[in-house]
Amino acid sequence: MIKENRLDFWWFLRNFILIFIIAIMLYPFIHMLAVSFSDTIYVLRNEVGIYPKGFTLDIYKLVLGDKRIFTAYKNTIIYVVLGTVIALLVTTSAAYALSKKRCPFGKIINIMILITMFFSGGMIPSFLAINWLKLYDTIWAIVLPGALSAWNLIVMRSFFAEYPEEIEESGRIDGLNDLGILWYLVLPTSTAVIATIGLFYGVAIWNSYFTPLLYLSQDSKYPLQIILQQVVMKSISANQDVITSSGGKVIPEDSIKFATIIVSIVPIILVYPFLQKYFVKGVMIGSIKG
């Protein structure tokens, strides 16, 4: 009986701690939603908590009223899809090759890749390289520089290093070369790690701000993050706590900031549930070995 009560106590304590952590993590997002949908007077009085007061869509009309927003959404989706596909092709191919002991100069290449995690050429050499390659102000300046992440490569390489050699040998017996084994045998059974690494790349490109700011010069090519930043900076001066919409209505600074945050993160949040079942498994499997 005592043992049963002790188990019940630890079960309650564990679940209480988990619920508390979830609440702490969700509160900022819920608060931002509530403020962005609340009427001006309640926001200015600081009366908005976890639910909207005086529900209104005025803030989102102001943010989404910029004609560049939907062009930026289109650009961002193109960058994310194309960049993720290219990154997965490069990372998967490199990781599979480097996971094999017979790979020529494999140890040297692995060391060189590892060094890039601690040292980089810097902003100016990177910009000069992009400019010299004639990639400046093109889509390739966004999707190619980040096509290979050393960390993602190491995770995927570790996963492939544990892949059963018996399956690969059966493929060779059937006449498949290394590329055929990777395409027909390894990739179909590596959904978890591919989805996880793809999510890492996709989120990184979606949230990218400095790279397009550095390598793009035309508004028509800007991704969502830059346009949203311009909307906020255009609407809010450095010394104002409120701004005025085109209709003359005063809108709090927090409201427009929170609305732009929601507009930028909702698409990624909607995609995540479809990949969540692969996420934990992919990270754990790929991180068993270094």
Foldseek 3Di string as FASTA:
>chain_A
DVVVVVVVVVVVVVVVVVVVVVCVVCQVLQQLVQLLQEDFVCVVVVNGGRHHHHGDNVLVCLLVVPPLQVLQAVLLVVLLVVLLVLLLVVLLVLLLLLLDPPRVCSVVVLVVLVVCVPDDPDDPVLLVVCVVVVNFQHSCLLRPVPSYHSVLSLLNSLLNNPPDVVQVVVVVVVPDDPVRCCVPPVVVVLVLQSLQSSLVSSVCSLPDDVSCVSRHDDSSNHHNVPSLVVSLPVQDPPPDQWGAGPVRDIHGSSNNVSSSVCVSCVVSVVVCVVNVVSNVVNNVSSVPDD
